[in-house]
């Protein structure tokens, strides 16, 4: 029986481990909702027939009248919903942000944006920005919800009207689920609750399924090739024996 030298056994262990790891690797891609929409005007609704669907299944950073930030990839398996019909758009003067969405105070002081992934995928929330219109504010809360359960929450949140108040992995942590909702509550501002704008929602998608060999990513294919090469070496070693 041919005995494989130590370096050969090590190569098999490493290559096999790489193959298993890459087979379960989540392929990630990221997009940014910048709310750059051609033809939209101040106070237009994102739920209108003209502008509905912004953020859904992003397969190109420019898609008709919609444009997105390119933070590393596309999100064809995620849809975006703005449940409140009073989710409106505004161009300037929310801190140093441009093209934001806000909750019109008539009837609500809460703004929700929900990101939902297709079966077999998760949505990963990377970051978002809030800013105040012509001034600083403190609002009741900022939350991220997964299926109605809060997975991130801050109370009495300061919102900059000069620059922006950013939420990212340093304060959000790692948030991933089949559905995530960004929610801010500015009820305490009363009739000024529409002075809080949301922008630059960066999110990713990743597969939750085992990657079949036939659809493996390049790193997995490299590992497969390595294992195949080692198998050939062993076969020859047995013949030489």
C-alpha atoms as a PDB file:
ATOM      1  CA  UNK A   1       0.000   0.000   0.000  1.00  0.00           C
ATOM      2  CA  UNK A   2       1.425   3.398  -0.989  1.00  0.00           C
ATOM      3  CA  UNK A   3       1.790   5.757   1.979  1.00  0.00           C
ATOM      4  CA  UNK A   4       1.314   9.388   1.118  1.00  0.00           C
ATOM      5  CA  UNK A   5       4.004  11.662   2.568  1.00  0.00           C
ATOM      6  CA  UNK A   6       3.012  14.244   5.177  1.00  0.00           C
ATOM      7  CA  UNK A   7       2.791  17.121   2.681  1.00  0.00           C
ATOM      8  CA  UNK A   8       0.446  15.058   0.528  1.00  0.00           C
ATOM      9  CA  UNK A   9      -1.868  14.261   3.442  1.00  0.00           C
ATOM     10  CA  UNK A  10      -1.812  17.926   4.440  1.00  0.00           C
ATOM     11  CA  UNK A  11      -2.723  18.963   0.902  1.00  0.00           C
ATOM     12  CA  UNK A  12      -5.750  16.672   0.934  1.00  0.00           C
ATOM     13  CA  UNK A  13      -6.938  18.027   4.285  1.00  0.00           C
ATOM     14  CA  UNK A  14      -6.519  21.652   3.202  1.00  0.00           C
ATOM     15  CA  UNK A  15      -8.112  21.184  -0.201  1.00  0.00           C
ATOM     16  CA  UNK A  16     -11.043  19.237   1.209  1.00  0.00           C
ATOM     17  CA  UNK A  17     -11.570  21.852   3.913  1.00  0.00           C
ATOM     18  CA  UNK A  18     -11.469  24.595   1.328  1.00  0.00           C
ATOM     19  CA  UNK A  19     -14.003  22.770  -0.806  1.00  0.00           C
ATOM     20  CA  UNK A  20     -16.416  22.379   2.100  1.00  0.00           C
ATOM     21  CA  UNK A  21     -15.954  25.965   3.223  1.00  0.00           C
ATOM     22  CA  UNK A  22     -16.463  27.452  -0.197  1.00  0.00           C
ATOM     23  CA  UNK A  23     -19.468  25.248  -0.829  1.00  0.00           C
ATOM     24  CA  UNK A  24     -21.205  26.906   2.114  1.00  0.00           C
ATOM     25  CA  UNK A  25     -19.895  30.387   1.364  1.00  0.00           C
ATOM     26  CA  UNK A  26     -22.562  33.059   1.056  1.00  0.00           C
ATOM     27  CA  UNK A  27     -22.131  35.057  -2.117  1.00  0.00           C
ATOM     28  CA  UNK A  28     -22.635  38.697  -1.136  1.00  0.00           C
ATOM     29  CA  UNK A  29     -23.401  41.758  -3.165  1.00  0.00           C
ATOM     30  CA  UNK A  30     -24.322  45.240  -2.050  1.00  0.00           C
ATOM     31  CA  UNK A  31     -26.444  48.062  -3.393  1.00  0.00           C
ATOM     32  CA  UNK A  32     -27.228  51.550  -2.075  1.00  0.00           C
ATOM     33  CA  UNK A  33     -30.617  53.240  -2.218  1.00  0.00           C
ATOM     34  CA  UNK A  34     -29.626  56.837  -2.943  1.00  0.00           C
ATOM     35  CA  UNK A  35     -33.136  57.812  -4.064  1.00  0.00           C
ATOM     36  CA  UNK A  36     -31.798  59.304  -7.273  1.00  0.00           C
ATOM     37  CA  UNK A  37     -34.909  59.293  -9.452  1.00  0.00           C
ATOM     38  CA  UNK A  38     -35.224  61.194 -12.720  1.00  0.00           C
ATOM     39  CA  UNK A  39     -38.364  63.310 -12.936  1.00  0.00           C
ATOM     40  CA  UNK A  40     -39.348  63.142  -9.281  1.00  0.00           C
ATOM     41  CA  UNK A  41     -40.271  66.361  -7.465  1.00  0.00           C
ATOM     42  CA  UNK A  42     -40.362  67.453  -3.840  1.00  0.00           C
ATOM     43  CA  UNK A  43     -43.269  65.867  -1.947  1.00  0.00           C
ATOM     44  CA  UNK A  44     -43.801  63.106  -4.543  1.00  0.00           C
ATOM     45  CA  UNK A  45     -44.635  59.705  -3.044  1.00  0.00           C
ATOM     46  CA  UNK A  46     -42.467  56.624  -3.517  1.00  0.00           C
ATOM     47  CA  UNK A  47     -45.686  54.618  -3.656  1.00  0.00           C
ATOM     48  CA  UNK A  48     -47.049  56.493  -6.649  1.00  0.00           C
ATOM     49  CA  UNK A  49     -47.529  54.717  -9.968  1.00  0.00           C
ATOM     50  CA  UNK A  50     -44.692  56.767 -11.453  1.00  0.00           C
ATOM     51  CA  UNK A  51     -42.042  56.058  -8.836  1.00  0.00           C
ATOM     52  CA  UNK A  52     -43.142  52.814  -7.180  1.00  0.00           C
ATOM     53  CA  UNK A  53     -40.684  49.931  -7.258  1.00  0.00           C
ATOM     54  CA  UNK A  54     -37.555  51.913  -6.446  1.00  0.00           C
ATOM     55  CA  UNK A  55     -35.023  49.451  -5.016  1.00  0.00           C
ATOM     56  CA  UNK A  56     -36.703  46.265  -6.205  1.00  0.00           C
ATOM     57  CA  UNK A  57     -34.459  43.535  -7.671  1.00  0.00           C
ATOM     58  CA  UNK A  58     -31.533  45.743  -8.616  1.00  0.00           C
ATOM     59  CA  UNK A  59     -29.798  44.270 -11.657  1.00  0.00           C
ATOM     60  CA  UNK A  60     -28.210  47.491 -12.918  1.00  0.00           C
ATOM     61  CA  UNK A  61     -27.053  50.646 -11.177  1.00  0.00           C
ATOM     62  CA  UNK A  62     -29.109  52.626 -13.669  1.00  0.00           C
ATOM     63  CA  UNK A  63     -32.494  51.215 -14.560  1.00  0.00           C
ATOM     64  CA  UNK A  64     -34.732  53.600 -16.465  1.00  0.00           C
ATOM     65  CA  UNK A  65     -35.428  56.588 -14.223  1.00  0.00           C
ATOM     66  CA  UNK A  66     -33.915  54.868 -11.159  1.00  0.00           C
ATOM     67  CA  UNK A  67     -30.247  55.123 -10.143  1.00  0.00           C
ATOM     68  CA  UNK A  68     -28.403  53.409  -7.295  1.00  0.00           C
ATOM     69  CA  UNK A  69     -25.043  53.522  -5.575  1.00  0.00           C
ATOM     70  CA  UNK A  70     -22.564  50.828  -6.538  1.00  0.00           C
ATOM     71  CA  UNK A  71     -21.066  49.577  -3.299  1.00  0.00           C
ATOM     72  CA  UNK A  72     -19.866  46.311  -4.759  1.00  0.00           C
ATOM     73  CA  UNK A  73     -22.688  44.458  -6.404  1.00  0.00           C
ATOM     74  CA  UNK A  74     -26.349  44.000  -7.243  1.00  0.00           C
ATOM     75  CA  UNK A  75     -29.356  42.650  -5.349  1.00  0.00           C
ATOM     76  CA  UNK A  76     -31.640  40.832  -7.802  1.00  0.00           C
ATOM     77  CA  UNK A  77     -33.269  38.758  -5.047  1.00  0.00           C
ATOM     78  CA  UNK A  78     -34.446  41.577  -2.759  1.00  0.00           C
ATOM     79  CA  UNK A  79     -37.533  43.789  -2.942  1.00  0.00           C
ATOM     80  CA  UNK A  80     -38.076  47.063  -1.082  1.00  0.00           C
ATOM     81  CA  UNK A  81     -41.382  48.244   0.355  1.00  0.00           C
ATOM     82  CA  UNK A  82     -42.422  51.614   1.735  1.00  0.00           C
ATOM     83  CA  UNK A  83     -45.560  50.628   3.693  1.00  0.00           C
ATOM     84  CA  UNK A  84     -46.610  54.145   4.562  1.00  0.00           C
ATOM     85  CA  UNK A  85     -48.306  55.931   1.668  1.00  0.00           C
ATOM     86  CA  UNK A  86     -46.949  59.163   3.096  1.00  0.00           C
ATOM     87  CA  UNK A  87     -43.326  58.217   2.358  1.00  0.00           C
ATOM     88  CA  UNK A  88     -42.318  61.257   0.342  1.00  0.00           C
ATOM     89  CA  UNK A  89     -39.184  62.522  -1.433  1.00  0.00           C
ATOM     90  CA  UNK A  90     -37.204  65.737  -0.942  1.00  0.00           C
ATOM     91  CA  UNK A  91     -34.105  67.015  -2.716  1.00  0.00           C
ATOM     92  CA  UNK A  92     -32.051  69.251  -0.388  1.00  0.00           C
ATOM     93  CA  UNK A  93     -31.440  70.768   3.055  1.00  0.00           C
ATOM     94  CA  UNK A  94     -31.591  67.593   5.128  1.00  0.00           C
ATOM     95  CA  UNK A  95     -28.116  67.994   6.610  1.00  0.00           C
ATOM     96  CA  UNK A  96     -25.571  67.376   3.875  1.00  0.00           C
ATOM     97  CA  UNK A  97     -27.691  64.679   2.237  1.00  0.00           C
ATOM     98  CA  UNK A  98     -29.363  65.018  -1.136  1.00  0.00           C
ATOM     99  CA  UNK A  99     -32.466  63.172  -2.311  1.00  0.00           C
ATOM    100  CA  UNK A 100     -33.980  61.756   0.872  1.00  0.00           C
ATOM    101  CA  UNK A 101     -37.278  60.205   1.883  1.00  0.00           C
ATOM    102  CA  UNK A 102     -39.322  61.324   4.867  1.00  0.00           C
ATOM    103  CA  UNK A 103     -42.630  60.588   6.592  1.00  0.00           C
ATOM    104  CA  UNK A 104     -45.216  63.282   5.981  1.00  0.00           C
ATOM    105  CA  UNK A 105     -46.489  64.218   9.431  1.00  0.00           C
ATOM    106  CA  UNK A 106     -50.153  64.151   8.418  1.00  0.00           C
ATOM    107  CA  UNK A 107     -51.319  60.870   9.929  1.00  0.00           C
ATOM    108  CA  UNK A 108     -47.950  59.421  10.927  1.00  0.00           C
ATOM    109  CA  UNK A 109     -44.617  60.258  12.511  1.00  0.00           C
ATOM    110  CA  UNK A 110     -43.082  56.853  11.761  1.00  0.00           C
ATOM    111  CA  UNK A 111     -41.224  55.882   8.602  1.00  0.00           C
ATOM    112  CA  UNK A 112     -40.686  52.223   7.647  1.00  0.00           C
ATOM    113  CA  UNK A 113     -38.598  50.766   4.845  1.00  0.00           C
ATOM    114  CA  UNK A 114     -38.762  46.979   4.523  1.00  0.00           C
ATOM    115  CA  UNK A 115     -36.198  44.856   2.669  1.00  0.00           C
ATOM    116  CA  UNK A 116     -37.375  41.337   1.821  1.00  0.00           C
ATOM    117  CA  UNK A 117     -35.305  38.553   0.257  1.00  0.00           C
ATOM    118  CA  UNK A 118     -36.532  35.707  -1.929  1.00  0.00           C
ATOM    119  CA  UNK A 119     -36.676  32.178  -0.470  1.00  0.00           C
ATOM    120  CA  UNK A 120     -33.156  30.803  -0.219  1.00  0.00           C
ATOM    121  CA  UNK A 121     -31.650  34.243   0.404  1.00  0.00           C
ATOM    122  CA  UNK A 122     -31.110  36.682   3.249  1.00  0.00           C
ATOM    123  CA  UNK A 123     -30.936  40.442   3.201  1.00  0.00           C
ATOM    124  CA  UNK A 124     -28.003  41.962   5.096  1.00  0.00           C
ATOM    125  CA  UNK A 125     -28.325  45.551   6.260  1.00  0.00           C
ATOM    126  CA  UNK A 126     -24.998  47.370   6.036  1.00  0.00           C
ATOM    127  CA  UNK A 127     -25.791  51.028   6.782  1.00  0.00           C
ATOM    128  CA  UNK A 128     -28.127  54.011   6.417  1.00  0.00           C
ATOM    129  CA  UNK A 129     -28.101  57.756   7.118  1.00  0.00           C
ATOM    130  CA  UNK A 130     -30.532  60.127   8.817  1.00  0.00           C
ATOM    131  CA  UNK A 131     -30.406  63.925   8.811  1.00  0.00           C
ATOM    132  CA  UNK A 132     -32.482  66.860  10.002  1.00  0.00           C
ATOM    133  CA  UNK A 133     -34.013  69.587   7.853  1.00  0.00           C
ATOM    134  CA  UNK A 134     -32.402  72.932   8.639  1.00  0.00           C
ATOM    135  CA  UNK A 135     -31.488  71.930  12.183  1.00  0.00           C
ATOM    136  CA  UNK A 136     -30.553  69.286  14.732  1.00  0.00           C
ATOM    137  CA  UNK A 137     -33.203  67.110  16.363  1.00  0.00           C
ATOM    138  CA  UNK A 138     -33.579  64.347  18.919  1.00  0.00           C
ATOM    139  CA  UNK A 139     -36.170  61.723  17.985  1.00  0.00           C
ATOM    140  CA  UNK A 140     -37.898  59.006  19.989  1.00  0.00           C
ATOM    141  CA  UNK A 141     -36.227  55.970  18.451  1.00  0.00           C
ATOM    142  CA  UNK A 142     -34.454  54.238  15.584  1.00  0.00           C
ATOM    143  CA  UNK A 143     -35.017  50.516  15.136  1.00  0.00           C
ATOM    144  CA  UNK A 144     -34.339  47.618  12.821  1.00  0.00           C
ATOM    145  CA  UNK A 145     -36.970  44.882  12.948  1.00  0.00           C
ATOM    146  CA  UNK A 146     -36.931  41.286  11.770  1.00  0.00           C
ATOM    147  CA  UNK A 147     -40.413  39.859  11.451  1.00  0.00           C
ATOM    148  CA  UNK A 148     -41.730  42.325  14.007  1.00  0.00           C
ATOM    149  CA  UNK A 149     -38.938  41.598  16.491  1.00  0.00           C
ATOM    150  CA  UNK A 150     -36.487  44.385  17.246  1.00  0.00           C
ATOM    151  CA  UNK A 151     -32.900  43.367  16.433  1.00  0.00           C
ATOM    152  CA  UNK A 152     -31.498  46.882  16.877  1.00  0.00           C
ATOM    153  CA  UNK A 153     -32.884  49.782  18.879  1.00  0.00           C
ATOM    154  CA  UNK A 154     -31.759  53.195  20.096  1.00  0.00           C
ATOM    155  CA  UNK A 155     -33.843  55.713  22.035  1.00  0.00           C
ATOM    156  CA  UNK A 156     -33.549  59.499  22.186  1.00  0.00           C
ATOM    157  CA  UNK A 157     -31.423  59.582  19.053  1.00  0.00           C
ATOM    158  CA  UNK A 158     -29.610  62.765  18.054  1.00  0.00           C
ATOM    159  CA  UNK A 159     -30.034  63.574  14.355  1.00  0.00           C
ATOM    160  CA  UNK A 160     -27.602  66.058  12.818  1.00  0.00           C
ATOM    161  CA  UNK A 161     -28.951  68.860  10.666  1.00  0.00           C
ATOM    162  CA  UNK A 162     -25.481  69.990   9.650  1.00  0.00           C
ATOM    163  CA  UNK A 163     -24.054  66.737   8.333  1.00  0.00           C
ATOM    164  CA  UNK A 164     -25.751  63.381   8.970  1.00  0.00           C
ATOM    165  CA  UNK A 165     -26.186  60.717  11.626  1.00  0.00           C
ATOM    166  CA  UNK A 166     -24.945  57.397  10.271  1.00  0.00           C
ATOM    167  CA  UNK A 167     -25.818  53.871  11.302  1.00  0.00           C
ATOM    168  CA  UNK A 168     -23.421  51.170  10.130  1.00  0.00           C
ATOM    169  CA  UNK A 169     -21.802  47.944  11.288  1.00  0.00           C
ATOM    170  CA  UNK A 170     -19.995  49.795  14.091  1.00  0.00           C
ATOM    171  CA  UNK A 171     -23.305  50.533  15.824  1.00  0.00           C
ATOM    172  CA  UNK A 172     -25.759  48.228  14.017  1.00  0.00           C
ATOM    173  CA  UNK A 173     -23.686  45.086  14.299  1.00  0.00           C
ATOM    174  CA  UNK A 174     -24.305  42.298  11.791  1.00  0.00           C
ATOM    175  CA  UNK A 175     -27.979  42.202  10.816  1.00  0.00           C
ATOM    176  CA  UNK A 176     -29.220  39.524   8.419  1.00  0.00           C
ATOM    177  CA  UNK A 177     -32.654  37.952   7.988  1.00  0.00           C
ATOM    178  CA  UNK A 178     -35.209  37.023   5.363  1.00  0.00           C
ATOM    179  CA  UNK A 179     -36.787  40.437   5.993  1.00  0.00           C
ATOM    180  CA  UNK A 180     -35.536  43.578   7.752  1.00  0.00           C
ATOM    181  CA  UNK A 181     -37.390  46.822   8.418  1.00  0.00           C
ATOM    182  CA  UNK A 182     -35.722  50.153   9.139  1.00  0.00           C
ATOM    183  CA  UNK A 183     -38.011  52.236  11.344  1.00  0.00           C
ATOM    184  CA  UNK A 184     -37.613  55.636  12.896  1.00  0.00           C
ATOM    185  CA  UNK A 185     -40.166  57.248  15.180  1.00  0.00           C
ATOM    186  CA  UNK A 186     -40.232  61.039  15.405  1.00  0.00           C
ATOM    187  CA  UNK A 187     -43.585  61.353  17.177  1.00  0.00           C
ATOM    188  CA  UNK A 188     -42.027  63.601  19.798  1.00  0.00           C
ATOM    189  CA  UNK A 189     -41.413  66.269  17.141  1.00  0.00           C
ATOM    190  CA  UNK A 190     -45.121  66.743  16.521  1.00  0.00           C
ATOM    191  CA  UNK A 191     -45.773  68.721  13.354  1.00  0.00           C
ATOM    192  CA  UNK A 192     -42.001  68.833  12.716  1.00  0.00           C
ATOM    193  CA  UNK A 193     -41.699  65.048  12.466  1.00  0.00           C
ATOM    194  CA  UNK A 194     -41.313  65.343   8.699  1.00  0.00           C
ATOM    195  CA  UNK A 195     -38.017  67.131   9.291  1.00  0.00           C
ATOM    196  CA  UNK A 196     -36.151  63.807   9.528  1.00  0.00           C
ATOM    197  CA  UNK A 197     -34.869  62.357   6.250  1.00  0.00           C
ATOM    198  CA  UNK A 198     -33.532  58.888   5.409  1.00  0.00           C
ATOM    199  CA  UNK A 199     -30.929  58.183   2.734  1.00  0.00           C
ATOM    200  CA  UNK A 200     -28.124  55.874   1.565  1.00  0.00           C
ATOM    201  CA  UNK A 201     -29.597  52.544   2.604  1.00  0.00           C
ATOM    202  CA  UNK A 202     -26.835  50.064   1.832  1.00  0.00           C
ATOM    203  CA  UNK A 203     -27.837  46.423   1.903  1.00  0.00           C
ATOM    204  CA  UNK A 204     -26.636  43.095   0.595  1.00  0.00           C
ATOM    205  CA  UNK A 205     -28.062  39.746  -0.292  1.00  0.00           C
ATOM    206  CA  UNK A 206     -26.575  36.347   0.343  1.00  0.00           C
ATOM    207  CA  UNK A 207     -27.591  32.799  -0.362  1.00  0.00           C
ATOM    208  CA  UNK A 208     -28.660  30.596   2.524  1.00  0.00           C
ATOM    209  CA  UNK A 209     -28.509  27.438   0.414  1.00  0.00           C
ATOM    210  CA  UNK A 210     -25.740  24.908  -0.014  1.00  0.00           C
ATOM    211  CA  UNK A 211     -23.954  25.726  -3.270  1.00  0.00           C
ATOM    212  CA  UNK A 212     -24.132  22.753  -5.669  1.00  0.00           C
ATOM    213  CA  UNK A 213     -20.855  21.843  -7.315  1.00  0.00           C
ATOM    214  CA  UNK A 214     -22.335  22.754 -10.681  1.00  0.00           C
ATOM    215  CA  UNK A 215     -22.962  26.338  -9.550  1.00  0.00           C
ATOM    216  CA  UNK A 216     -19.969  26.848  -7.287  1.00  0.00           C
ATOM    217  CA  UNK A 217     -18.155  30.142  -7.095  1.00  0.00           C
ATOM    218  CA  UNK A 218     -14.612  30.443  -8.530  1.00  0.00           C
ATOM    219  CA  UNK A 219     -12.984  29.732  -5.162  1.00  0.00           C
ATOM    220  CA  UNK A 220     -14.936  26.503  -4.876  1.00  0.00           C
ATOM    221  CA  UNK A 221     -13.938  25.515  -8.400  1.00  0.00           C
ATOM    222  CA  UNK A 222     -10.280  26.008  -7.470  1.00  0.00           C
ATOM    223  CA  UNK A 223     -10.750  23.703  -4.490  1.00  0.00           C
ATOM    224  CA  UNK A 224     -12.510  21.122  -6.645  1.00  0.00           C
ATOM    225  CA  UNK A 225      -9.616  21.209  -9.102  1.00  0.00           C
ATOM    226  CA  UNK A 226      -7.151  20.755  -6.252  1.00  0.00           C
ATOM    227  CA  UNK A 227      -8.985  17.731  -4.893  1.00  0.00           C
ATOM    228  CA  UNK A 228      -9.223  16.255  -8.382  1.00  0.00           C
ATOM    229  CA  UNK A 229      -5.490  16.728  -8.878  1.00  0.00           C
ATOM    230  CA  UNK A 230      -4.675  15.037  -5.589  1.00  0.00           C
ATOM    231  CA  UNK A 231      -6.965  12.130  -6.474  1.00  0.00           C
ATOM    232  CA  UNK A 232      -5.049  11.677  -9.735  1.00  0.00           C
ATOM    233  CA  UNK A 233      -1.748  11.756  -7.831  1.00  0.00           C
ATOM    234  CA  UNK A 234      -2.949   9.063  -5.426  1.00  0.00           C
ATOM    235  CA  UNK A 235      -4.130   6.875  -8.281  1.00  0.00           C
ATOM    236  CA  UNK A 236      -0.705   7.087  -9.909  1.00  0.00           C
ATOM    237  CA  UNK A 237       0.996   6.404  -6.589  1.00  0.00           C
ATOM    238  CA  UNK A 238      -0.997   3.196  -6.203  1.00  0.00           C
ATOM    239  CA  UNK A 239      -0.060   2.111  -9.728  1.00  0.00           C
ATOM    240  CA  UNK A 240       3.626   2.800  -9.048  1.00  0.00           C
ATOM    241  CA  UNK A 241       3.308   0.700  -5.932  1.00  0.00           C
END
